[in-house]
């Protein structure tokens, strides 16, 4: 993998220490895994309190999920046909992880589906890789003109975790990079996606979705593009991103929900999505500041053990 040409490689332990110090993290190159950064959701026994009556996990990851006004359509078969998803590799990675695809998921992948997309605890991992492939392959000015190409042009863009880390295609990930209009967008829709993406951060780094250097950023970009193509407003896109992020980073958003509940008396559903997703809270440094506030107040609770890193 070409991950040492232009950016320093940060080993996991260094990345963790950087987050704990509230420092900016470098773009996520291939070997940097977000689960190493965000897994520090545990505290010492003296700082940890038992989860109270309010079930914050049900607030951030509702049992019924969160539905967006968009269906899968024929995206699965299109991505399989173009090769960005190798159906056999895709199925194998889930089987190896003891989470084999359900019949519905296999149908979404190979035949298409008119089902509305509803992210749940059960399918969040499936959707992470599904939308990762979409964000990677869908033609986008964000990929062709934005932060992804600032560190060595298109060739350099292949060094990030969201590109070099994609191993579920027929060939090299950059063969599919911004290659096909899987989700055609008008100029106004592209601008809306870019405007929203610039204001959505994720707890594994200090980069916005407009710099999708890891799988979570690339996948969320795909979600936003699909929503925009179906006429979603900016506020609807922010609200959806709030829950997709929470399903993909449940430990971090458990902390943030606890922070807002104790500091502002707000339930998760009542937190303004754009505020929550901003750099002040949803970036690595923003989440760490909120976590430190909880530690200082003796309000830390044990977050859920779910969620994953920046690999397939």
C-alpha atoms as a PDB file:
ATOM      1  CA  UNK A   1       0.000   0.000   0.000  1.00  0.00           C
ATOM      2  CA  UNK A   2       1.226   3.483  -0.880  1.00  0.00           C
ATOM      3  CA  UNK A   3       0.853   4.989   2.535  1.00  0.00           C
ATOM      4  CA  UNK A   4       4.218   6.600   3.136  1.00  0.00           C
ATOM      5  CA  UNK A   5       4.750   8.999   0.249  1.00  0.00           C
ATOM      6  CA  UNK A   6       3.506  12.268   1.600  1.00  0.00           C
ATOM      7  CA  UNK A   7       2.019  11.943   5.059  1.00  0.00           C
ATOM      8  CA  UNK A   8       3.532  10.696   8.290  1.00  0.00           C
ATOM      9  CA  UNK A   9       2.098   7.388   9.411  1.00  0.00           C
ATOM     10  CA  UNK A  10       0.636   7.665  12.884  1.00  0.00           C
ATOM     11  CA  UNK A  11       0.672   4.443  14.818  1.00  0.00           C
ATOM     12  CA  UNK A  12      -2.446   3.653  16.818  1.00  0.00           C
ATOM     13  CA  UNK A  13      -0.917   4.475  20.179  1.00  0.00           C
ATOM     14  CA  UNK A  14       0.224   7.877  18.917  1.00  0.00           C
ATOM     15  CA  UNK A  15      -3.224   8.565  17.507  1.00  0.00           C
ATOM     16  CA  UNK A  16      -4.864   7.775  20.838  1.00  0.00           C
ATOM     17  CA  UNK A  17      -2.484  10.040  22.701  1.00  0.00           C
ATOM     18  CA  UNK A  18      -3.104  12.822  20.193  1.00  0.00           C
ATOM     19  CA  UNK A  19      -6.838  12.634  20.734  1.00  0.00           C
ATOM     20  CA  UNK A  20      -6.486  12.569  24.485  1.00  0.00           C
ATOM     21  CA  UNK A  21      -4.387  15.701  24.262  1.00  0.00           C
ATOM     22  CA  UNK A  22      -7.079  17.338  22.151  1.00  0.00           C
ATOM     23  CA  UNK A  23      -4.731  17.716  19.180  1.00  0.00           C
ATOM     24  CA  UNK A  24      -5.580  17.763  15.489  1.00  0.00           C
ATOM     25  CA  UNK A  25      -5.194  14.381  13.860  1.00  0.00           C
ATOM     26  CA  UNK A  26      -3.589  13.985  10.463  1.00  0.00           C
ATOM     27  CA  UNK A  27      -5.711  12.708   7.564  1.00  0.00           C
ATOM     28  CA  UNK A  28      -6.412   9.024   7.966  1.00  0.00           C
ATOM     29  CA  UNK A  29      -3.898   7.152   5.875  1.00  0.00           C
ATOM     30  CA  UNK A  30      -4.434   3.499   5.124  1.00  0.00           C
ATOM     31  CA  UNK A  31      -3.028   1.992   8.317  1.00  0.00           C
ATOM     32  CA  UNK A  32      -4.645   4.428  10.750  1.00  0.00           C
ATOM     33  CA  UNK A  33      -7.788   2.851  12.176  1.00  0.00           C
ATOM     34  CA  UNK A  34     -10.491   4.941  13.806  1.00  0.00           C
ATOM     35  CA  UNK A  35     -11.374   2.282  16.358  1.00  0.00           C
ATOM     36  CA  UNK A  36      -7.954   2.806  17.915  1.00  0.00           C
ATOM     37  CA  UNK A  37      -8.765   6.482  18.323  1.00  0.00           C
ATOM     38  CA  UNK A  38     -12.361   6.271  19.473  1.00  0.00           C
ATOM     39  CA  UNK A  39     -12.224   3.185  21.679  1.00  0.00           C
ATOM     40  CA  UNK A  40     -11.143   5.279  24.660  1.00  0.00           C
ATOM     41  CA  UNK A  41     -14.706   5.484  25.915  1.00  0.00           C
ATOM     42  CA  UNK A  42     -13.815   3.802  29.175  1.00  0.00           C
ATOM     43  CA  UNK A  43     -12.781   5.468  32.374  1.00  0.00           C
ATOM     44  CA  UNK A  44     -11.316   4.317  35.636  1.00  0.00           C
ATOM     45  CA  UNK A  45     -13.683   2.651  38.133  1.00  0.00           C
ATOM     46  CA  UNK A  46     -13.614   5.769  40.282  1.00  0.00           C
ATOM     47  CA  UNK A  47     -14.873   7.871  37.391  1.00  0.00           C
ATOM     48  CA  UNK A  48     -17.503   5.479  36.114  1.00  0.00           C
ATOM     49  CA  UNK A  49     -21.096   5.515  37.277  1.00  0.00           C
ATOM     50  CA  UNK A  50     -23.779   2.961  36.571  1.00  0.00           C
ATOM     51  CA  UNK A  51     -26.155   3.679  33.734  1.00  0.00           C
ATOM     52  CA  UNK A  52     -29.201   5.341  35.212  1.00  0.00           C
ATOM     53  CA  UNK A  53     -32.893   4.998  34.454  1.00  0.00           C
ATOM     54  CA  UNK A  54     -32.675   6.869  31.177  1.00  0.00           C
ATOM     55  CA  UNK A  55     -31.558   4.487  28.460  1.00  0.00           C
ATOM     56  CA  UNK A  56     -29.287   6.698  26.412  1.00  0.00           C
ATOM     57  CA  UNK A  57     -28.417   3.823  24.108  1.00  0.00           C
ATOM     58  CA  UNK A  58     -32.050   3.637  22.999  1.00  0.00           C
ATOM     59  CA  UNK A  59     -31.960   7.389  22.378  1.00  0.00           C
ATOM     60  CA  UNK A  60     -28.857   7.391  20.181  1.00  0.00           C
ATOM     61  CA  UNK A  61     -29.561   4.016  18.518  1.00  0.00           C
ATOM     62  CA  UNK A  62     -33.362   3.679  18.500  1.00  0.00           C
ATOM     63  CA  UNK A  63     -34.537   0.080  18.429  1.00  0.00           C
ATOM     64  CA  UNK A  64     -36.743   0.893  15.437  1.00  0.00           C
ATOM     65  CA  UNK A  65     -33.856   2.593  13.644  1.00  0.00           C
ATOM     66  CA  UNK A  66     -33.854   5.814  11.642  1.00  0.00           C
ATOM     67  CA  UNK A  67     -35.430   5.889   8.184  1.00  0.00           C
ATOM     68  CA  UNK A  68     -34.534   8.233   5.355  1.00  0.00           C
ATOM     69  CA  UNK A  69     -36.753   9.120   2.411  1.00  0.00           C
ATOM     70  CA  UNK A  70     -34.787   7.055  -0.102  1.00  0.00           C
ATOM     71  CA  UNK A  71     -34.772   3.450  -1.217  1.00  0.00           C
ATOM     72  CA  UNK A  72     -31.929   1.178  -2.301  1.00  0.00           C
ATOM     73  CA  UNK A  73     -33.258   0.932  -5.842  1.00  0.00           C
ATOM     74  CA  UNK A  74     -30.738  -0.729  -8.134  1.00  0.00           C
ATOM     75  CA  UNK A  75     -27.646   0.758  -6.481  1.00  0.00           C
ATOM     76  CA  UNK A  76     -26.446  -2.662  -5.303  1.00  0.00           C
ATOM     77  CA  UNK A  77     -26.556  -4.337  -8.743  1.00  0.00           C
ATOM     78  CA  UNK A  78     -25.013  -1.230 -10.329  1.00  0.00           C
ATOM     79  CA  UNK A  79     -22.064  -1.257  -7.928  1.00  0.00           C
ATOM     80  CA  UNK A  80     -21.597  -4.995  -8.392  1.00  0.00           C
ATOM     81  CA  UNK A  81     -21.725  -4.601 -12.178  1.00  0.00           C
ATOM     82  CA  UNK A  82     -19.110  -1.843 -12.215  1.00  0.00           C
ATOM     83  CA  UNK A  83     -16.863  -3.833  -9.864  1.00  0.00           C
ATOM     84  CA  UNK A  84     -16.572  -1.430  -6.922  1.00  0.00           C
ATOM     85  CA  UNK A  85     -18.320  -4.204  -4.978  1.00  0.00           C
ATOM     86  CA  UNK A  86     -17.230  -7.782  -5.546  1.00  0.00           C
ATOM     87  CA  UNK A  87     -20.324  -9.622  -4.297  1.00  0.00           C
ATOM     88  CA  UNK A  88     -18.335 -12.689  -3.208  1.00  0.00           C
ATOM     89  CA  UNK A  89     -15.781 -10.647  -1.242  1.00  0.00           C
ATOM     90  CA  UNK A  90     -18.565  -8.567   0.278  1.00  0.00           C
ATOM     91  CA  UNK A  91     -20.463 -11.634   1.484  1.00  0.00           C
ATOM     92  CA  UNK A  92     -17.276 -13.297   2.713  1.00  0.00           C
ATOM     93  CA  UNK A  93     -16.204 -10.405   4.950  1.00  0.00           C
ATOM     94  CA  UNK A  94     -19.535 -10.568   6.797  1.00  0.00           C
ATOM     95  CA  UNK A  95     -19.494 -14.347   7.031  1.00  0.00           C
ATOM     96  CA  UNK A  96     -15.990 -14.217   8.510  1.00  0.00           C
ATOM     97  CA  UNK A  97     -17.167 -11.650  11.031  1.00  0.00           C
ATOM     98  CA  UNK A  98     -19.985 -13.958  12.130  1.00  0.00           C
ATOM     99  CA  UNK A  99     -22.531 -11.506  10.725  1.00  0.00           C
ATOM    100  CA  UNK A 100     -23.580 -13.220   7.479  1.00  0.00           C
ATOM    101  CA  UNK A 101     -25.747 -11.171   5.157  1.00  0.00           C
ATOM    102  CA  UNK A 102     -29.466 -11.700   5.571  1.00  0.00           C
ATOM    103  CA  UNK A 103     -31.552 -12.744   2.532  1.00  0.00           C
ATOM    104  CA  UNK A 104     -32.829  -9.154   2.321  1.00  0.00           C
ATOM    105  CA  UNK A 105     -29.295  -7.778   2.301  1.00  0.00           C
ATOM    106  CA  UNK A 106     -28.200 -10.218  -0.395  1.00  0.00           C
ATOM    107  CA  UNK A 107     -31.170  -9.092  -2.468  1.00  0.00           C
ATOM    108  CA  UNK A 108     -30.289  -5.414  -1.939  1.00  0.00           C
ATOM    109  CA  UNK A 109     -26.787  -6.200  -3.136  1.00  0.00           C
ATOM    110  CA  UNK A 110     -27.507  -8.387  -6.140  1.00  0.00           C
ATOM    111  CA  UNK A 111     -31.074  -7.703  -7.270  1.00  0.00           C
ATOM    112  CA  UNK A 112     -31.950  -4.301  -5.883  1.00  0.00           C
ATOM    113  CA  UNK A 113     -34.779  -3.344  -3.573  1.00  0.00           C
ATOM    114  CA  UNK A 114     -37.580  -0.805  -3.237  1.00  0.00           C
ATOM    115  CA  UNK A 115     -37.224  -0.875   0.563  1.00  0.00           C
ATOM    116  CA  UNK A 116     -36.817   2.486   2.265  1.00  0.00           C
ATOM    117  CA  UNK A 117     -33.394   2.709   3.889  1.00  0.00           C
ATOM    118  CA  UNK A 118     -33.628   2.372   7.656  1.00  0.00           C
ATOM    119  CA  UNK A 119     -30.391   2.261   9.648  1.00  0.00           C
ATOM    120  CA  UNK A 120     -30.629  -0.030  12.684  1.00  0.00           C
ATOM    121  CA  UNK A 121     -28.329  -1.719  15.169  1.00  0.00           C
ATOM    122  CA  UNK A 122     -28.562  -4.868  13.076  1.00  0.00           C
ATOM    123  CA  UNK A 123     -27.721  -3.399   9.666  1.00  0.00           C
ATOM    124  CA  UNK A 124     -25.457  -0.441  10.480  1.00  0.00           C
ATOM    125  CA  UNK A 125     -22.324  -2.420   9.576  1.00  0.00           C
ATOM    126  CA  UNK A 126     -23.873  -3.554   6.289  1.00  0.00           C
ATOM    127  CA  UNK A 127     -24.832   0.025   5.456  1.00  0.00           C
ATOM    128  CA  UNK A 128     -21.371   1.316   6.385  1.00  0.00           C
ATOM    129  CA  UNK A 129     -19.699  -0.763   3.677  1.00  0.00           C
ATOM    130  CA  UNK A 130     -22.577  -0.386   1.204  1.00  0.00           C
ATOM    131  CA  UNK A 131     -22.456   3.404   1.395  1.00  0.00           C
ATOM    132  CA  UNK A 132     -18.648   3.415   1.554  1.00  0.00           C
ATOM    133  CA  UNK A 133     -18.661   1.856  -1.917  1.00  0.00           C
ATOM    134  CA  UNK A 134     -21.234   4.404  -3.116  1.00  0.00           C
ATOM    135  CA  UNK A 135     -19.347   7.421  -1.780  1.00  0.00           C
ATOM    136  CA  UNK A 136     -16.115   6.130  -3.294  1.00  0.00           C
ATOM    137  CA  UNK A 137     -17.479   5.406  -6.773  1.00  0.00           C
ATOM    138  CA  UNK A 138     -20.108   8.107  -7.244  1.00  0.00           C
ATOM    139  CA  UNK A 139     -18.876  11.000  -9.369  1.00  0.00           C
ATOM    140  CA  UNK A 140     -18.408  14.013  -7.125  1.00  0.00           C
ATOM    141  CA  UNK A 141     -16.615  17.381  -7.169  1.00  0.00           C
ATOM    142  CA  UNK A 142     -15.844  16.773  -3.492  1.00  0.00           C
ATOM    143  CA  UNK A 143     -13.587  13.893  -4.556  1.00  0.00           C
ATOM    144  CA  UNK A 144     -12.229  15.549  -7.693  1.00  0.00           C
ATOM    145  CA  UNK A 145     -11.660  19.102  -6.469  1.00  0.00           C
ATOM    146  CA  UNK A 146     -11.669  19.005  -2.655  1.00  0.00           C
ATOM    147  CA  UNK A 147      -9.414  18.079   0.251  1.00  0.00           C
ATOM    148  CA  UNK A 148      -8.865  14.507  -0.946  1.00  0.00           C
ATOM    149  CA  UNK A 149      -6.587  15.634  -3.769  1.00  0.00           C
ATOM    150  CA  UNK A 150      -4.664  18.310  -1.858  1.00  0.00           C
ATOM    151  CA  UNK A 151      -2.012  15.848  -0.684  1.00  0.00           C
ATOM    152  CA  UNK A 152      -0.620  14.601  -3.962  1.00  0.00           C
ATOM    153  CA  UNK A 153      -3.414  14.921  -6.489  1.00  0.00           C
ATOM    154  CA  UNK A 154      -5.501  11.960  -7.538  1.00  0.00           C
ATOM    155  CA  UNK A 155      -2.550   9.611  -7.082  1.00  0.00           C
ATOM    156  CA  UNK A 156      -2.120  10.784  -3.512  1.00  0.00           C
ATOM    157  CA  UNK A 157      -5.831  10.329  -2.871  1.00  0.00           C
ATOM    158  CA  UNK A 158      -5.264   6.586  -3.049  1.00  0.00           C
ATOM    159  CA  UNK A 159      -3.330   6.613   0.221  1.00  0.00           C
ATOM    160  CA  UNK A 160      -6.217   7.320   2.565  1.00  0.00           C
ATOM    161  CA  UNK A 161      -8.109   4.780   4.655  1.00  0.00           C
ATOM    162  CA  UNK A 162     -11.237   5.421   2.584  1.00  0.00           C
ATOM    163  CA  UNK A 163      -9.442   4.539  -0.644  1.00  0.00           C
ATOM    164  CA  UNK A 164      -6.493   2.266   0.062  1.00  0.00           C
ATOM    165  CA  UNK A 165      -8.576   0.571   2.740  1.00  0.00           C
ATOM    166  CA  UNK A 166     -11.362  -0.467   0.353  1.00  0.00           C
ATOM    167  CA  UNK A 167     -10.585  -4.114  -0.455  1.00  0.00           C
ATOM    168  CA  UNK A 168     -14.044  -5.349  -1.455  1.00  0.00           C
ATOM    169  CA  UNK A 169     -13.877  -4.366  -5.120  1.00  0.00           C
ATOM    170  CA  UNK A 170     -12.816  -6.352  -8.143  1.00  0.00           C
ATOM    171  CA  UNK A 171      -9.660  -4.286  -8.542  1.00  0.00           C
ATOM    172  CA  UNK A 172      -7.812  -1.393  -6.874  1.00  0.00           C
ATOM    173  CA  UNK A 173     -10.122   1.143  -5.213  1.00  0.00           C
ATOM    174  CA  UNK A 174      -8.810   4.035  -7.297  1.00  0.00           C
ATOM    175  CA  UNK A 175     -10.122   2.292 -10.412  1.00  0.00           C
ATOM    176  CA  UNK A 176     -13.560   3.344  -9.192  1.00  0.00           C
ATOM    177  CA  UNK A 177     -12.776   6.689  -7.557  1.00  0.00           C
ATOM    178  CA  UNK A 178     -15.455   9.231  -8.580  1.00  0.00           C
ATOM    179  CA  UNK A 179     -15.928   7.181 -11.726  1.00  0.00           C
ATOM    180  CA  UNK A 180     -19.661   6.809 -12.304  1.00  0.00           C
ATOM    181  CA  UNK A 181     -22.832   8.863 -11.824  1.00  0.00           C
ATOM    182  CA  UNK A 182     -24.478   6.191  -9.699  1.00  0.00           C
ATOM    183  CA  UNK A 183     -26.531   8.938  -8.062  1.00  0.00           C
ATOM    184  CA  UNK A 184     -26.828  11.772 -10.590  1.00  0.00           C
ATOM    185  CA  UNK A 185     -27.069  15.186  -8.969  1.00  0.00           C
ATOM    186  CA  UNK A 186     -27.869  18.637 -10.306  1.00  0.00           C
ATOM    187  CA  UNK A 187     -25.465  21.501  -9.630  1.00  0.00           C
ATOM    188  CA  UNK A 188     -27.814  22.761  -6.894  1.00  0.00           C
ATOM    189  CA  UNK A 189     -27.913  19.312  -5.283  1.00  0.00           C
ATOM    190  CA  UNK A 190     -24.111  19.002  -5.457  1.00  0.00           C
ATOM    191  CA  UNK A 191     -23.789  22.392  -3.764  1.00  0.00           C
ATOM    192  CA  UNK A 192     -26.243  21.324  -1.059  1.00  0.00           C
ATOM    193  CA  UNK A 193     -24.266  18.135  -0.388  1.00  0.00           C
ATOM    194  CA  UNK A 194     -21.039  20.116  -0.179  1.00  0.00           C
ATOM    195  CA  UNK A 195     -22.562  22.716   2.141  1.00  0.00           C
ATOM    196  CA  UNK A 196     -23.845  20.055   4.524  1.00  0.00           C
ATOM    197  CA  UNK A 197     -20.739  17.863   4.290  1.00  0.00           C
ATOM    198  CA  UNK A 198     -18.463  20.750   5.294  1.00  0.00           C
ATOM    199  CA  UNK A 199     -20.348  21.035   8.584  1.00  0.00           C
ATOM    200  CA  UNK A 200     -20.431  17.369   9.587  1.00  0.00           C
ATOM    201  CA  UNK A 201     -17.556  15.908  11.592  1.00  0.00           C
ATOM    202  CA  UNK A 202     -16.806  12.445  12.966  1.00  0.00           C
ATOM    203  CA  UNK A 203     -15.128  11.414  16.229  1.00  0.00           C
ATOM    204  CA  UNK A 204     -12.240   9.497  14.636  1.00  0.00           C
ATOM    205  CA  UNK A 205     -10.501  12.669  13.423  1.00  0.00           C
ATOM    206  CA  UNK A 206     -10.884  16.416  12.980  1.00  0.00           C
ATOM    207  CA  UNK A 207     -11.937  16.256   9.340  1.00  0.00           C
ATOM    208  CA  UNK A 208     -15.356  17.016   7.908  1.00  0.00           C
ATOM    209  CA  UNK A 209     -17.362  14.817   5.556  1.00  0.00           C
ATOM    210  CA  UNK A 210     -16.123  17.110   2.773  1.00  0.00           C
ATOM    211  CA  UNK A 211     -12.752  15.459   3.476  1.00  0.00           C
ATOM    212  CA  UNK A 212     -13.854  11.787   3.494  1.00  0.00           C
ATOM    213  CA  UNK A 213     -10.479  10.257   4.261  1.00  0.00           C
ATOM    214  CA  UNK A 214     -11.926   7.309   6.199  1.00  0.00           C
ATOM    215  CA  UNK A 215     -14.769   4.878   5.582  1.00  0.00           C
ATOM    216  CA  UNK A 216     -17.230   6.682   7.855  1.00  0.00           C
ATOM    217  CA  UNK A 217     -16.745   9.954   5.993  1.00  0.00           C
ATOM    218  CA  UNK A 218     -16.964   8.326   2.572  1.00  0.00           C
ATOM    219  CA  UNK A 219     -20.064   6.351   3.565  1.00  0.00           C
ATOM    220  CA  UNK A 220     -21.819   9.419   4.943  1.00  0.00           C
ATOM    221  CA  UNK A 221     -20.985  11.280   1.745  1.00  0.00           C
ATOM    222  CA  UNK A 222     -22.836   8.525  -0.124  1.00  0.00           C
ATOM    223  CA  UNK A 223     -25.833   8.865   2.202  1.00  0.00           C
ATOM    224  CA  UNK A 224     -25.971  12.633   1.676  1.00  0.00           C
ATOM    225  CA  UNK A 225     -25.735  12.260  -2.097  1.00  0.00           C
ATOM    226  CA  UNK A 226     -28.574   9.747  -2.192  1.00  0.00           C
ATOM    227  CA  UNK A 227     -30.723  11.935   0.036  1.00  0.00           C
ATOM    228  CA  UNK A 228     -30.038  15.037  -2.061  1.00  0.00           C
ATOM    229  CA  UNK A 229     -31.017  13.172  -5.219  1.00  0.00           C
ATOM    230  CA  UNK A 230     -34.355  12.413  -3.545  1.00  0.00           C
ATOM    231  CA  UNK A 231     -35.000  16.054  -2.716  1.00  0.00           C
ATOM    232  CA  UNK A 232     -33.935  16.116   0.932  1.00  0.00           C
ATOM    233  CA  UNK A 233     -33.420  19.520   2.515  1.00  0.00           C
ATOM    234  CA  UNK A 234     -30.285  20.504   4.407  1.00  0.00           C
ATOM    235  CA  UNK A 235     -32.061  20.086   7.750  1.00  0.00           C
ATOM    236  CA  UNK A 236     -33.227  16.584   6.786  1.00  0.00           C
ATOM    237  CA  UNK A 237     -29.694  15.661   5.763  1.00  0.00           C
ATOM    238  CA  UNK A 238     -28.241  16.942   9.031  1.00  0.00           C
ATOM    239  CA  UNK A 239     -30.835  15.003  11.037  1.00  0.00           C
ATOM    240  CA  UNK A 240     -30.099  11.788   9.141  1.00  0.00           C
ATOM    241  CA  UNK A 241     -26.346  12.289   9.581  1.00  0.00           C
ATOM    242  CA  UNK A 242     -26.886  12.719  13.323  1.00  0.00           C
ATOM    243  CA  UNK A 243     -28.316   9.207  13.556  1.00  0.00           C
ATOM    244  CA  UNK A 244     -26.029   7.522  11.015  1.00  0.00           C
ATOM    245  CA  UNK A 245     -23.042   8.857  12.948  1.00  0.00           C
ATOM    246  CA  UNK A 246     -24.585   7.680  16.202  1.00  0.00           C
ATOM    247  CA  UNK A 247     -25.103   4.161  14.831  1.00  0.00           C
ATOM    248  CA  UNK A 248     -21.535   4.081  13.497  1.00  0.00           C
ATOM    249  CA  UNK A 249     -19.951   5.673  16.613  1.00  0.00           C
ATOM    250  CA  UNK A 250     -22.303   4.643  19.444  1.00  0.00           C
ATOM    251  CA  UNK A 251     -19.727   4.988  22.206  1.00  0.00           C
ATOM    252  CA  UNK A 252     -18.847   8.560  21.288  1.00  0.00           C
ATOM    253  CA  UNK A 253     -22.430   9.668  20.818  1.00  0.00           C
ATOM    254  CA  UNK A 254     -23.422   8.026  24.085  1.00  0.00           C
ATOM    255  CA  UNK A 255     -20.911  10.378  25.723  1.00  0.00           C
ATOM    256  CA  UNK A 256     -22.247  13.353  23.771  1.00  0.00           C
ATOM    257  CA  UNK A 257     -25.851  12.490  24.637  1.00  0.00           C
ATOM    258  CA  UNK A 258     -24.862  12.268  28.303  1.00  0.00           C
ATOM    259  CA  UNK A 259     -23.070  15.616  28.033  1.00  0.00           C
ATOM    260  CA  UNK A 260     -26.090  17.428  26.546  1.00  0.00           C
ATOM    261  CA  UNK A 261     -28.487  15.757  28.977  1.00  0.00           C
ATOM    262  CA  UNK A 262     -26.496  16.899  31.978  1.00  0.00           C
ATOM    263  CA  UNK A 263     -25.301  20.297  30.764  1.00  0.00           C
ATOM    264  CA  UNK A 264     -28.350  21.489  28.836  1.00  0.00           C
ATOM    265  CA  UNK A 265     -31.122  19.128  29.962  1.00  0.00           C
ATOM    266  CA  UNK A 266     -31.725  17.927  26.392  1.00  0.00           C
ATOM    267  CA  UNK A 267     -32.646  14.465  25.172  1.00  0.00           C
ATOM    268  CA  UNK A 268     -30.718  13.249  22.143  1.00  0.00           C
ATOM    269  CA  UNK A 269     -33.674  13.763  19.800  1.00  0.00           C
ATOM    270  CA  UNK A 270     -33.890  17.413  20.852  1.00  0.00           C
ATOM    271  CA  UNK A 271     -30.248  18.290  20.220  1.00  0.00           C
ATOM    272  CA  UNK A 272     -29.926  20.440  17.113  1.00  0.00           C
ATOM    273  CA  UNK A 273     -28.326  18.157  14.529  1.00  0.00           C
ATOM    274  CA  UNK A 274     -26.088  20.797  12.946  1.00  0.00           C
ATOM    275  CA  UNK A 275     -24.795  21.825  16.366  1.00  0.00           C
ATOM    276  CA  UNK A 276     -24.113  18.248  17.441  1.00  0.00           C
ATOM    277  CA  UNK A 277     -22.338  17.381  14.185  1.00  0.00           C
ATOM    278  CA  UNK A 278     -20.127  20.466  14.268  1.00  0.00           C
ATOM    279  CA  UNK A 279     -16.405  20.439  14.975  1.00  0.00           C
ATOM    280  CA  UNK A 280     -17.174  21.640  18.511  1.00  0.00           C
ATOM    281  CA  UNK A 281     -18.725  18.277  19.414  1.00  0.00           C
ATOM    282  CA  UNK A 282     -18.446  15.568  16.750  1.00  0.00           C
ATOM    283  CA  UNK A 283     -14.766  15.895  15.846  1.00  0.00           C
ATOM    284  CA  UNK A 284     -12.152  13.941  17.789  1.00  0.00           C
ATOM    285  CA  UNK A 285     -11.130  17.044  19.744  1.00  0.00           C
ATOM    286  CA  UNK A 286     -14.723  18.174  20.254  1.00  0.00           C
ATOM    287  CA  UNK A 287     -15.851  14.792  21.581  1.00  0.00           C
ATOM    288  CA  UNK A 288     -12.801  14.608  23.856  1.00  0.00           C
ATOM    289  CA  UNK A 289     -13.606  18.023  25.348  1.00  0.00           C
ATOM    290  CA  UNK A 290     -17.153  16.867  26.104  1.00  0.00           C
ATOM    291  CA  UNK A 291     -15.825  13.639  27.584  1.00  0.00           C
ATOM    292  CA  UNK A 292     -13.416  15.569  29.775  1.00  0.00           C
ATOM    293  CA  UNK A 293     -16.318  17.693  31.065  1.00  0.00           C
ATOM    294  CA  UNK A 294     -18.116  14.480  32.061  1.00  0.00           C
ATOM    295  CA  UNK A 295     -14.991  13.184  33.779  1.00  0.00           C
ATOM    296  CA  UNK A 296     -14.507  16.441  35.683  1.00  0.00           C
ATOM    297  CA  UNK A 297     -18.130  16.341  36.866  1.00  0.00           C
ATOM    298  CA  UNK A 298     -17.970  12.650  37.806  1.00  0.00           C
ATOM    299  CA  UNK A 299     -20.741  11.862  35.323  1.00  0.00           C
ATOM    300  CA  UNK A 300     -19.043   9.278  33.111  1.00  0.00           C
ATOM    301  CA  UNK A 301     -21.038   6.162  32.266  1.00  0.00           C
ATOM    302  CA  UNK A 302     -19.977   3.021  30.491  1.00  0.00           C
ATOM    303  CA  UNK A 303     -20.846   3.466  26.799  1.00  0.00           C
ATOM    304  CA  UNK A 304     -21.958   0.621  24.527  1.00  0.00           C
ATOM    305  CA  UNK A 305     -19.277  -1.649  23.139  1.00  0.00           C
ATOM    306  CA  UNK A 306     -20.529  -1.486  19.571  1.00  0.00           C
ATOM    307  CA  UNK A 307     -19.065   0.306  16.582  1.00  0.00           C
ATOM    308  CA  UNK A 308     -16.091  -0.330  14.339  1.00  0.00           C
ATOM    309  CA  UNK A 309     -12.964   1.119  12.834  1.00  0.00           C
ATOM    310  CA  UNK A 310     -11.882   2.494   9.497  1.00  0.00           C
ATOM    311  CA  UNK A 311     -11.532  -0.870   7.757  1.00  0.00           C
ATOM    312  CA  UNK A 312     -13.896  -3.286   6.064  1.00  0.00           C
END
